[in-house]
Amino acid sequence: MLNVKTIATGFIATSLFIAAIPASASVGTTVETRITAAQLQTQQGIVTVYEHLKNVATESCKANGVASLADKRTAANCADNLLEEFIESVGDQNLSQFYISRKNA
């Protein structure tokens, strides 16, 4: 089972700093990204934040080079778990609801 652990979150001025460790990453690998608190104030901003976090998770977990089907599944599971951890770390109810609606679609 893949497991992603958040190692640091917090507001920096008007930005939210998010750092997490993808389970498939090598030792010492940390994924970091920033979003602005203002982005969470509108529906379009929530969509933008969601897409950004999804892209960061996907890029952070993707298999390099030629990947077997098992490697692709592992990468997809890693990205799903990392995205969920990012969403939980942000802690915004509207973003969480948007994430759930996309997850269940």
PDB file of N, CA and C in Angstrom:
ATOM      1  N   MET A   1       0.844  -1.182   0.000  1.00  0.00           N
ATOM      2  CA  MET A   1       0.000   0.000   0.000  1.00  0.00           C
ATOM      3  C   MET A   1       0.883   1.236   0.000  1.00  0.00           C
ATOM      4  N   LEU A   2       0.555   2.183  -0.845  1.00  0.00           N
ATOM      5  CA  LEU A   2       1.308   3.415  -0.908  1.00  0.00           C
ATOM      6  C   LEU A   2       0.895   4.318   0.240  1.00  0.00           C
ATOM      7  N   ASN A   3       1.840   5.061   0.723  1.00  0.00           N
ATOM      8  CA  ASN A   3       1.568   5.936   1.842  1.00  0.00           C
ATOM      9  C   ASN A   3       2.330   7.229   1.641  1.00  0.00           C
ATOM     10  N   VAL A   4       1.674   8.351   1.720  1.00  0.00           N
ATOM     11  CA  VAL A   4       2.302   9.653   1.568  1.00  0.00           C
ATOM     12  C   VAL A   4       2.214  10.363   2.904  1.00  0.00           C
ATOM     13  N   LYS A   5       3.312  10.924   3.331  1.00  0.00           N
ATOM     14  CA  LYS A   5       3.338  11.599   4.619  1.00  0.00           C
ATOM     15  C   LYS A   5       3.636  13.083   4.401  1.00  0.00           C
ATOM     16  N   THR A   6       2.775  13.931   4.902  1.00  0.00           N
ATOM     17  CA  THR A   6       3.027  15.358   4.835  1.00  0.00           C
ATOM     18  C   THR A   6       4.095  15.695   5.860  1.00  0.00           C
ATOM     19  N   ILE A   7       5.098  16.472   5.419  1.00  0.00           N
ATOM     20  CA  ILE A   7       6.151  16.813   6.365  1.00  0.00           C
ATOM     21  C   ILE A   7       6.111  18.268   6.800  1.00  0.00           C
ATOM     22  N   ALA A   8       5.463  19.136   6.009  1.00  0.00           N
ATOM     23  CA  ALA A   8       5.386  20.529   6.442  1.00  0.00           C
ATOM     24  C   ALA A   8       4.259  21.240   5.717  1.00  0.00           C
ATOM     25  N   THR A   9       3.492  21.987   6.459  1.00  0.00           N
ATOM     26  CA  THR A   9       2.493  22.859   5.846  1.00  0.00           C
ATOM     27  C   THR A   9       2.423  24.124   6.668  1.00  0.00           C
ATOM     28  N   GLY A  10       2.016  25.191   6.055  1.00  0.00           N
ATOM     29  CA  GLY A  10       1.837  26.415   6.804  1.00  0.00           C
ATOM     30  C   GLY A  10       1.659  27.601   5.889  1.00  0.00           C
ATOM     31  N   PHE A  11       1.055  28.663   6.406  1.00  0.00           N
ATOM     32  CA  PHE A  11       0.882  29.867   5.619  1.00  0.00           C
ATOM     33  C   PHE A  11       2.148  30.697   5.684  1.00  0.00           C
ATOM     34  N   ILE A  12       2.580  31.159   4.525  1.00  0.00           N
ATOM     35  CA  ILE A  12       3.693  32.097   4.431  1.00  0.00           C
ATOM     36  C   ILE A  12       3.123  33.325   3.737  1.00  0.00           C
ATOM     37  N   ALA A  13       2.977  34.401   4.472  1.00  0.00           N
ATOM     38  CA  ALA A  13       2.309  35.609   3.977  1.00  0.00           C
ATOM     39  C   ALA A  13       0.940  35.204   3.440  1.00  0.00           C
ATOM     40  N   THR A  14       0.705  35.345   2.139  1.00  0.00           N
ATOM     41  CA  THR A  14      -0.579  34.952   1.566  1.00  0.00           C
ATOM     42  C   THR A  14      -0.457  33.663   0.768  1.00  0.00           C
ATOM     43  N   SER A  15       0.633  32.929   0.963  1.00  0.00           N
ATOM     44  CA  SER A  15       0.838  31.682   0.240  1.00  0.00           C
ATOM     45  C   SER A  15       0.732  30.497   1.189  1.00  0.00           C
ATOM     46  N   LEU A  16       0.271  29.392   0.650  1.00  0.00           N
ATOM     47  CA  LEU A  16       0.253  28.153   1.412  1.00  0.00           C
ATOM     48  C   LEU A  16       1.360  27.284   0.865  1.00  0.00           C
ATOM     49  N   PHE A  17       2.282  26.916   1.713  1.00  0.00           N
ATOM     50  CA  PHE A  17       3.412  26.075   1.351  1.00  0.00           C
ATOM     51  C   PHE A  17       3.050  24.642   1.689  1.00  0.00           C
ATOM     52  N   ILE A  18       3.209  23.753   0.735  1.00  0.00           N
ATOM     53  CA  ILE A  18       2.872  22.349   0.938  1.00  0.00           C
ATOM     54  C   ILE A  18       4.083  21.509   0.583  1.00  0.00           C
ATOM     55  N   ALA A  19       4.458  20.607   1.461  1.00  0.00           N
ATOM     56  CA  ALA A  19       5.552  19.687   1.177  1.00  0.00           C
ATOM     57  C   ALA A  19       5.118  18.290   1.596  1.00  0.00           C
ATOM     58  N   ALA A  20       5.395  17.321   0.753  1.00  0.00           N
ATOM     59  CA  ALA A  20       5.021  15.942   1.047  1.00  0.00           C
ATOM     60  C   ALA A  20       6.048  15.002   0.445  1.00  0.00           C
ATOM     61  N   ILE A  21       6.053  13.786   0.922  1.00  0.00           N
ATOM     62  CA  ILE A  21       6.973  12.767   0.426  1.00  0.00           C
ATOM     63  C   ILE A  21       6.153  11.699  -0.286  1.00  0.00           C
ATOM     64  N   PRO A  22       6.350  11.555  -1.614  1.00  0.00           N
ATOM     65  CA  PRO A  22       5.635  10.475  -2.302  1.00  0.00           C
ATOM     66  C   PRO A  22       6.221   9.133  -1.900  1.00  0.00           C
ATOM     67  N   ALA A  23       5.364   8.146  -1.706  1.00  0.00           N
ATOM     68  CA  ALA A  23       5.806   6.839  -1.218  1.00  0.00           C
ATOM     69  C   ALA A  23       6.759   6.160  -2.181  1.00  0.00           C
ATOM     70  N   SER A  24       6.646   6.426  -3.468  1.00  0.00           N
ATOM     71  CA  SER A  24       7.517   5.755  -4.431  1.00  0.00           C
ATOM     72  C   SER A  24       8.827   6.493  -4.645  1.00  0.00           C
ATOM     73  N   ALA A  25       9.030   7.613  -3.962  1.00  0.00           N
ATOM     74  CA  ALA A  25      10.234   8.412  -4.151  1.00  0.00           C
ATOM     75  C   ALA A  25      11.415   7.818  -3.400  1.00  0.00           C
ATOM     76  N   SER A  26      12.599   8.209  -3.837  1.00  0.00           N
ATOM     77  CA  SER A  26      13.800   7.758  -3.148  1.00  0.00           C
ATOM     78  C   SER A  26      13.927   8.486  -1.817  1.00  0.00           C
ATOM     79  N   VAL A  27      14.764   7.964  -0.955  1.00  0.00           N
ATOM     80  CA  VAL A  27      14.953   8.543   0.374  1.00  0.00           C
ATOM     81  C   VAL A  27      15.386   9.998   0.244  1.00  0.00           C
ATOM     82  N   GLY A  28      14.787  10.851   1.026  1.00  0.00           N
ATOM     83  CA  GLY A  28      15.144  12.253   1.024  1.00  0.00           C
ATOM     84  C   GLY A  28      14.403  13.093   0.001  1.00  0.00           C
ATOM     85  N   THR A  29      13.537  12.501  -0.787  1.00  0.00           N
ATOM     86  CA  THR A  29      12.781  13.239  -1.792  1.00  0.00           C
ATOM     87  C   THR A  29      11.584  13.910  -1.137  1.00  0.00           C
ATOM     88  N   THR A  30      11.439  15.196  -1.399  1.00  0.00           N
ATOM     89  CA  THR A  30      10.308  15.958  -0.895  1.00  0.00           C
ATOM     90  C   THR A  30       9.674  16.697  -2.058  1.00  0.00           C
ATOM     91  N   VAL A  31       8.379  16.713  -2.104  1.00  0.00           N
ATOM     92  CA  VAL A  31       7.643  17.450  -3.131  1.00  0.00           C
ATOM     93  C   VAL A  31       7.117  18.718  -2.478  1.00  0.00           C
ATOM     94  N   GLU A  32       7.442  19.850  -3.069  1.00  0.00           N
ATOM     95  CA  GLU A  32       7.010  21.129  -2.522  1.00  0.00           C
ATOM     96  C   GLU A  32       6.273  21.918  -3.588  1.00  0.00           C
ATOM     97  N   THR A  33       5.296  22.663  -3.166  1.00  0.00           N
ATOM     98  CA  THR A  33       4.583  23.574  -4.052  1.00  0.00           C
ATOM     99  C   THR A  33       3.953  24.672  -3.214  1.00  0.00           C
ATOM    100  N   ARG A  34       3.555  25.729  -3.870  1.00  0.00           N
ATOM    101  CA  ARG A  34       2.897  26.850  -3.189  1.00  0.00           C
ATOM    102  C   ARG A  34       1.641  27.227  -3.956  1.00  0.00           C
ATOM    103  N   ILE A  35       0.662  27.621  -3.203  1.00  0.00           N
ATOM    104  CA  ILE A  35      -0.559  28.201  -3.778  1.00  0.00           C
ATOM    105  C   ILE A  35      -0.860  29.448  -2.966  1.00  0.00           C
ATOM    106  N   THR A  36      -1.651  30.341  -3.532  1.00  0.00           N
ATOM    107  CA  THR A  36      -2.012  31.535  -2.775  1.00  0.00           C
ATOM    108  C   THR A  36      -3.378  31.338  -2.126  1.00  0.00           C
ATOM    109  N   ALA A  37      -3.528  31.908  -0.968  1.00  0.00           N
ATOM    110  CA  ALA A  37      -4.807  31.827  -0.257  1.00  0.00           C
ATOM    111  C   ALA A  37      -5.907  32.500  -1.073  1.00  0.00           C
ATOM    112  N   ALA A  38      -5.555  33.527  -1.830  1.00  0.00           N
ATOM    113  CA  ALA A  38      -6.547  34.243  -2.638  1.00  0.00           C
ATOM    114  C   ALA A  38      -7.157  33.339  -3.709  1.00  0.00           C
ATOM    115  N   GLN A  39      -6.400  32.378  -4.196  1.00  0.00           N
ATOM    116  CA  GLN A  39      -6.924  31.472  -5.215  1.00  0.00           C
ATOM    117  C   GLN A  39      -8.101  30.654  -4.701  1.00  0.00           C
ATOM    118  N   LEU A  40      -8.162  30.435  -3.428  1.00  0.00           N
ATOM    119  CA  LEU A  40      -9.226  29.615  -2.841  1.00  0.00           C
ATOM    120  C   LEU A  40     -10.512  30.394  -2.612  1.00  0.00           C
ATOM    121  N   GLN A  41     -10.531  31.652  -3.006  1.00  0.00           N
ATOM    122  CA  GLN A  41     -11.698  32.514  -2.773  1.00  0.00           C
ATOM    123  C   GLN A  41     -12.741  32.434  -3.882  1.00  0.00           C
ATOM    124  N   THR A  42     -12.369  31.862  -5.047  1.00  0.00           N
ATOM    125  CA  THR A  42     -13.309  31.766  -6.160  1.00  0.00           C
ATOM    126  C   THR A  42     -13.351  30.326  -6.677  1.00  0.00           C
ATOM    127  N   GLN A  43     -14.443  30.000  -7.363  1.00  0.00           N
ATOM    128  CA  GLN A  43     -14.570  28.657  -7.944  1.00  0.00           C
ATOM    129  C   GLN A  43     -13.483  28.419  -8.986  1.00  0.00           C
ATOM    130  N   GLN A  44     -13.204  29.418  -9.822  1.00  0.00           N
ATOM    131  CA  GLN A  44     -12.156  29.265 -10.829  1.00  0.00           C
ATOM    132  C   GLN A  44     -10.795  29.071 -10.166  1.00  0.00           C
ATOM    133  N   GLY A  45     -10.563  29.779  -9.076  1.00  0.00           N
ATOM    134  CA  GLY A  45      -9.315  29.627  -8.340  1.00  0.00           C
ATOM    135  C   GLY A  45      -9.177  28.233  -7.759  1.00  0.00           C
ATOM    136  N   ILE A  46     -10.272  27.687  -7.257  1.00  0.00           N
ATOM    137  CA  ILE A  46     -10.260  26.327  -6.704  1.00  0.00           C
ATOM    138  C   ILE A  46      -9.926  25.323  -7.794  1.00  0.00           C
ATOM    139  N   VAL A  47     -10.499  25.503  -8.977  1.00  0.00           N
ATOM    140  CA  VAL A  47     -10.196  24.617 -10.103  1.00  0.00           C
ATOM    141  C   VAL A  47      -8.715  24.733 -10.470  1.00  0.00           C
ATOM    142  N   THR A  48      -8.207  25.952 -10.491  1.00  0.00           N
ATOM    143  CA  THR A  48      -6.799  26.184 -10.817  1.00  0.00           C
ATOM    144  C   THR A  48      -5.882  25.512  -9.799  1.00  0.00           C
ATOM    145  N   VAL A  49      -6.191  25.671  -8.519  1.00  0.00           N
ATOM    146  CA  VAL A  49      -5.391  25.044  -7.462  1.00  0.00           C
ATOM    147  C   VAL A  49      -5.443  23.530  -7.594  1.00  0.00           C
ATOM    148  N   TYR A  50      -6.628  22.981  -7.788  1.00  0.00           N
ATOM    149  CA  TYR A  50      -6.780  21.534  -7.940  1.00  0.00           C
ATOM    150  C   TYR A  50      -5.930  21.017  -9.099  1.00  0.00           C
ATOM    151  N   GLU A  51      -6.031  21.670 -10.245  1.00  0.00           N
ATOM    152  CA  GLU A  51      -5.268  21.229 -11.426  1.00  0.00           C
ATOM    153  C   GLU A  51      -3.768  21.336 -11.173  1.00  0.00           C
ATOM    154  N   HIS A  52      -3.347  22.403 -10.501  1.00  0.00           N
ATOM    155  CA  HIS A  52      -1.933  22.576 -10.170  1.00  0.00           C
ATOM    156  C   HIS A  52      -1.445  21.444  -9.267  1.00  0.00           C
ATOM    157  N   LEU A  53      -2.200  21.175  -8.204  1.00  0.00           N
ATOM    158  CA  LEU A  53      -1.799  20.115  -7.275  1.00  0.00           C
ATOM    159  C   LEU A  53      -1.799  18.753  -7.956  1.00  0.00           C
ATOM    160  N   LYS A  54      -2.768  18.513  -8.816  1.00  0.00           N
ATOM    161  CA  LYS A  54      -2.835  17.254  -9.556  1.00  0.00           C
ATOM    162  C   LYS A  54      -1.620  17.104 -10.473  1.00  0.00           C
ATOM    163  N   ASN A  55      -1.255  18.179 -11.172  1.00  0.00           N
ATOM    164  CA  ASN A  55      -0.085  18.131 -12.048  1.00  0.00           C
ATOM    165  C   ASN A  55       1.208  17.900 -11.278  1.00  0.00           C
ATOM    166  N   VAL A  56       1.354  18.568 -10.144  1.00  0.00           N
ATOM    167  CA  VAL A  56       2.549  18.383  -9.316  1.00  0.00           C
ATOM    168  C   VAL A  56       2.630  16.932  -8.841  1.00  0.00           C
ATOM    169  N   ALA A  57       1.508  16.388  -8.392  1.00  0.00           N
ATOM    170  CA  ALA A  57       1.484  14.995  -7.920  1.00  0.00           C
ATOM    171  C   ALA A  57       1.830  14.028  -9.055  1.00  0.00           C
ATOM    172  N   THR A  58       1.240  14.243 -10.216  1.00  0.00           N
ATOM    173  CA  THR A  58       1.482  13.358 -11.356  1.00  0.00           C
ATOM    174  C   THR A  58       2.943  13.412 -11.791  1.00  0.00           C
ATOM    175  N   GLU A  59       3.488  14.614 -11.911  1.00  0.00           N
ATOM    176  CA  GLU A  59       4.883  14.764 -12.330  1.00  0.00           C
ATOM    177  C   GLU A  59       5.851  14.192 -11.291  1.00  0.00           C
ATOM    178  N   SER A  60       5.512  14.327 -10.031  1.00  0.00           N
ATOM    179  CA  SER A  60       6.387  13.849  -8.958  1.00  0.00           C
ATOM    180  C   SER A  60       6.435  12.336  -8.875  1.00  0.00           C
ATOM    181  N   CYS A  61       5.378  11.690  -9.327  1.00  0.00           N
ATOM    182  CA  CYS A  61       5.275  10.241  -9.176  1.00  0.00           C
ATOM    183  C   CYS A  61       5.470   9.471 -10.478  1.00  0.00           C
ATOM    184  N   LYS A  62       5.602  10.167 -11.592  1.00  0.00           N
ATOM    185  CA  LYS A  62       5.639   9.460 -12.871  1.00  0.00           C
ATOM    186  C   LYS A  62       6.876   8.577 -12.989  1.00  0.00           C
ATOM    187  N   ALA A  63       6.693   7.473 -13.689  1.00  0.00           N
ATOM    188  CA  ALA A  63       7.785   6.541 -13.943  1.00  0.00           C
ATOM    189  C   ALA A  63       8.657   7.110 -15.055  1.00  0.00           C
ATOM    190  N   ASN A  64       9.956   7.020 -14.892  1.00  0.00           N
ATOM    191  CA  ASN A  64      10.880   7.522 -15.903  1.00  0.00           C
ATOM    192  C   ASN A  64      11.200   6.441 -16.918  1.00  0.00           C
ATOM    193  N   GLY A  65      11.353   6.856 -18.170  1.00  0.00           N
ATOM    194  CA  GLY A  65      11.724   5.915 -19.219  1.00  0.00           C
ATOM    195  C   GLY A  65      10.599   4.954 -19.548  1.00  0.00           C
ATOM    196  N   VAL A  66      10.976   3.800 -20.029  1.00  0.00           N
ATOM    197  CA  VAL A  66      10.007   2.755 -20.369  1.00  0.00           C
ATOM    198  C   VAL A  66       9.524   2.132 -19.068  1.00  0.00           C
ATOM    199  N   ALA A  67       8.215   2.147 -18.884  1.00  0.00           N
ATOM    200  CA  ALA A  67       7.643   1.653 -17.630  1.00  0.00           C
ATOM    201  C   ALA A  67       6.728   0.464 -17.902  1.00  0.00           C
ATOM    202  N   SER A  68       6.812  -0.500 -17.022  1.00  0.00           N
ATOM    203  CA  SER A  68       5.921  -1.651 -17.111  1.00  0.00           C
ATOM    204  C   SER A  68       4.530  -1.223 -16.652  1.00  0.00           C
ATOM    205  N   LEU A  69       3.568  -2.088 -16.894  1.00  0.00           N
ATOM    206  CA  LEU A  69       2.202  -1.807 -16.434  1.00  0.00           C
ATOM    207  C   LEU A  69       2.170  -1.648 -14.913  1.00  0.00           C
ATOM    208  N   ALA A  70       2.927  -2.475 -14.221  1.00  0.00           N
ATOM    209  CA  ALA A  70       2.989  -2.386 -12.756  1.00  0.00           C
ATOM    210  C   ALA A  70       3.588  -1.048 -12.319  1.00  0.00           C
ATOM    211  N   ASP A  71       4.625  -0.581 -13.036  1.00  0.00           N
ATOM    212  CA  ASP A  71       5.224   0.718 -12.720  1.00  0.00           C
ATOM    213  C   ASP A  71       4.224   1.840 -12.942  1.00  0.00           C
ATOM    214  N   LYS A  72       3.437   1.742 -14.014  1.00  0.00           N
ATOM    215  CA  LYS A  72       2.437   2.765 -14.298  1.00  0.00           C
ATOM    216  C   LYS A  72       1.344   2.779 -13.242  1.00  0.00           C
ATOM    217  N   ARG A  73       0.949   1.606 -12.779  1.00  0.00           N
ATOM    218  CA  ARG A  73      -0.059   1.536 -11.703  1.00  0.00           C
ATOM    219  C   ARG A  73       0.494   2.127 -10.407  1.00  0.00           C
ATOM    220  N   THR A  74       1.734   1.800 -10.107  1.00  0.00           N
ATOM    221  CA  THR A  74       2.367   2.332  -8.902  1.00  0.00           C
ATOM    222  C   THR A  74       2.439   3.856  -8.973  1.00  0.00           C
ATOM    223  N   ALA A  75       2.827   4.368 -10.140  1.00  0.00           N
ATOM    224  CA  ALA A  75       2.913   5.817 -10.320  1.00  0.00           C
ATOM    225  C   ALA A  75       1.537   6.462 -10.185  1.00  0.00           C
ATOM    226  N   ALA A  76       0.513   5.855 -10.761  1.00  0.00           N
ATOM    227  CA  ALA A  76      -0.850   6.401 -10.664  1.00  0.00           C
ATOM    228  C   ALA A  76      -1.339   6.395  -9.219  1.00  0.00           C
ATOM    229  N   ASN A  77      -1.091   5.314  -8.492  1.00  0.00           N
ATOM    230  CA  ASN A  77      -1.485   5.236  -7.079  1.00  0.00           C
ATOM    231  C   ASN A  77      -0.731   6.272  -6.254  1.00  0.00           C
ATOM    232  N   CYS A  78       0.550   6.430  -6.537  1.00  0.00           N
ATOM    233  CA  CYS A  78       1.357   7.428  -5.838  1.00  0.00           C
ATOM    234  C   CYS A  78       0.779   8.821  -6.067  1.00  0.00           C
ATOM    235  N   ALA A  79       0.469   9.147  -7.324  1.00  0.00           N
ATOM    236  CA  ALA A  79      -0.081  10.468  -7.652  1.00  0.00           C
ATOM    237  C   ALA A  79      -1.430  10.687  -6.975  1.00  0.00           C
ATOM    238  N   ASP A  80      -2.281   9.658  -6.974  1.00  0.00           N
ATOM    239  CA  ASP A  80      -3.585   9.772  -6.306  1.00  0.00           C
ATOM    240  C   ASP A  80      -3.414  10.045  -4.820  1.00  0.00           C
ATOM    241  N   ASN A  81      -2.523   9.311  -4.188  1.00  0.00           N
ATOM    242  CA  ASN A  81      -2.295   9.481  -2.749  1.00  0.00           C
ATOM    243  C   ASN A  81      -1.656  10.830  -2.436  1.00  0.00           C
ATOM    244  N   LEU A  82      -0.711  11.257  -3.279  1.00  0.00           N
ATOM    245  CA  LEU A  82      -0.058  12.539  -3.056  1.00  0.00           C
ATOM    246  C   LEU A  82      -1.054  13.686  -3.233  1.00  0.00           C
ATOM    247  N   LEU A  83      -1.912  13.605  -4.247  1.00  0.00           N
ATOM    248  CA  LEU A  83      -2.939  14.621  -4.446  1.00  0.00           C
ATOM    249  C   LEU A  83      -3.873  14.687  -3.236  1.00  0.00           C
ATOM    250  N   GLU A  84      -4.296  13.540  -2.754  1.00  0.00           N
ATOM    251  CA  GLU A  84      -5.171  13.518  -1.574  1.00  0.00           C
ATOM    252  C   GLU A  84      -4.484  14.161  -0.373  1.00  0.00           C
ATOM    253  N   GLU A  85      -3.210  13.874  -0.190  1.00  0.00           N
ATOM    254  CA  GLU A  85      -2.461  14.457   0.929  1.00  0.00           C
ATOM    255  C   GLU A  85      -2.343  15.971   0.772  1.00  0.00           C
ATOM    256  N   PHE A  86      -2.095  16.429  -0.456  1.00  0.00           N
ATOM    257  CA  PHE A  86      -2.051  17.868  -0.712  1.00  0.00           C
ATOM    258  C   PHE A  86      -3.388  18.520  -0.352  1.00  0.00           C
ATOM    259  N   ILE A  87      -4.474  17.929  -0.816  1.00  0.00           N
ATOM    260  CA  ILE A  87      -5.812  18.488  -0.569  1.00  0.00           C
ATOM    261  C   ILE A  87      -6.076  18.561   0.935  1.00  0.00           C
ATOM    262  N   GLU A  88      -5.763  17.491   1.647  1.00  0.00           N
ATOM    263  CA  GLU A  88      -5.950  17.482   3.105  1.00  0.00           C
ATOM    264  C   GLU A  88      -5.077  18.532   3.779  1.00  0.00           C
ATOM    265  N   SER A  89      -3.860  18.709   3.282  1.00  0.00           N
ATOM    266  CA  SER A  89      -2.940  19.682   3.878  1.00  0.00           C
ATOM    267  C   SER A  89      -3.425  21.112   3.705  1.00  0.00           C
ATOM    268  N   VAL A  90      -4.033  21.398   2.573  1.00  0.00           N
ATOM    269  CA  VAL A  90      -4.561  22.743   2.339  1.00  0.00           C
ATOM    270  C   VAL A  90      -5.668  23.031   3.346  1.00  0.00           C
ATOM    271  N   GLY A  91      -6.547  22.065   3.565  1.00  0.00           N
ATOM    272  CA  GLY A  91      -7.575  22.207   4.592  1.00  0.00           C
ATOM    273  C   GLY A  91      -8.709  23.149   4.229  1.00  0.00           C
ATOM    274  N   ASP A  92      -8.934  23.382   2.949  1.00  0.00           N
ATOM    275  CA  ASP A  92     -10.019  24.252   2.512  1.00  0.00           C
ATOM    276  C   ASP A  92     -11.229  23.395   2.172  1.00  0.00           C
ATOM    277  N   GLN A  93     -12.366  23.697   2.787  1.00  0.00           N
ATOM    278  CA  GLN A  93     -13.580  22.887   2.600  1.00  0.00           C
ATOM    279  C   GLN A  93     -14.039  22.870   1.136  1.00  0.00           C
ATOM    280  N   ASN A  94     -13.996  24.006   0.469  1.00  0.00           N
ATOM    281  CA  ASN A  94     -14.440  24.067  -0.922  1.00  0.00           C
ATOM    282  C   ASN A  94     -13.524  23.263  -1.842  1.00  0.00           C
ATOM    283  N   LEU A  95     -12.219  23.348  -1.612  1.00  0.00           N
ATOM    284  CA  LEU A  95     -11.273  22.552  -2.401  1.00  0.00           C
ATOM    285  C   LEU A  95     -11.489  21.069  -2.134  1.00  0.00           C
ATOM    286  N   SER A  96     -11.720  20.716  -0.885  1.00  0.00           N
ATOM    287  CA  SER A  96     -11.966  19.317  -0.532  1.00  0.00           C
ATOM    288  C   SER A  96     -13.224  18.787  -1.212  1.00  0.00           C
ATOM    289  N   GLN A  97     -14.279  19.589  -1.225  1.00  0.00           N
ATOM    290  CA  GLN A  97     -15.515  19.170  -1.882  1.00  0.00           C
ATOM    291  C   GLN A  97     -15.320  19.026  -3.389  1.00  0.00           C
ATOM    292  N   PHE A  98     -14.555  19.932  -3.984  1.00  0.00           N
ATOM    293  CA  PHE A  98     -14.278  19.841  -5.414  1.00  0.00           C
ATOM    294  C   PHE A  98     -13.485  18.574  -5.711  1.00  0.00           C
ATOM    295  N   TYR A  99     -12.489  18.290  -4.875  1.00  0.00           N
ATOM    296  CA  TYR A  99     -11.671  17.067  -5.031  1.00  0.00           C
ATOM    297  C   TYR A  99     -12.551  15.810  -4.949  1.00  0.00           C
ATOM    298  N   ILE A 100     -13.439  15.766  -3.983  1.00  0.00           N
ATOM    299  CA  ILE A 100     -14.330  14.609  -3.820  1.00  0.00           C
ATOM    300  C   ILE A 100     -15.238  14.460  -5.039  1.00  0.00           C
ATOM    301  N   SER A 101     -15.730  15.564  -5.559  1.00  0.00           N
ATOM    302  CA  SER A 101     -16.609  15.482  -6.731  1.00  0.00           C
ATOM    303  C   SER A 101     -15.842  14.957  -7.946  1.00  0.00           C
ATOM    304  N   ARG A 102     -14.588  15.351  -8.086  1.00  0.00           N
ATOM    305  CA  ARG A 102     -13.766  14.839  -9.200  1.00  0.00           C
ATOM    306  C   ARG A 102     -13.393  13.375  -8.989  1.00  0.00           C
ATOM    307  N   LYS A 103     -13.102  13.036  -7.765  1.00  0.00           N
ATOM    308  CA  LYS A 103     -12.707  11.659  -7.437  1.00  0.00           C
ATOM    309  C   LYS A 103     -13.861  10.684  -7.696  1.00  0.00           C
ATOM    310  N   ASN A 104     -15.074  11.123  -7.419  1.00  0.00           N
ATOM    311  CA  ASN A 104     -16.249  10.264  -7.567  1.00  0.00           C
ATOM    312  C   ASN A 104     -16.887  10.337  -8.947  1.00  0.00           C
ATOM    313  N   ALA A 105     -16.339  11.176  -9.818  1.00  0.00           N
ATOM    314  CA  ALA A 105     -16.918  11.338 -11.166  1.00  0.00           C
ATOM    315  C   ALA A 105     -16.600  10.162 -12.064  1.00  0.00           C
TER     316      ALA A 105
END
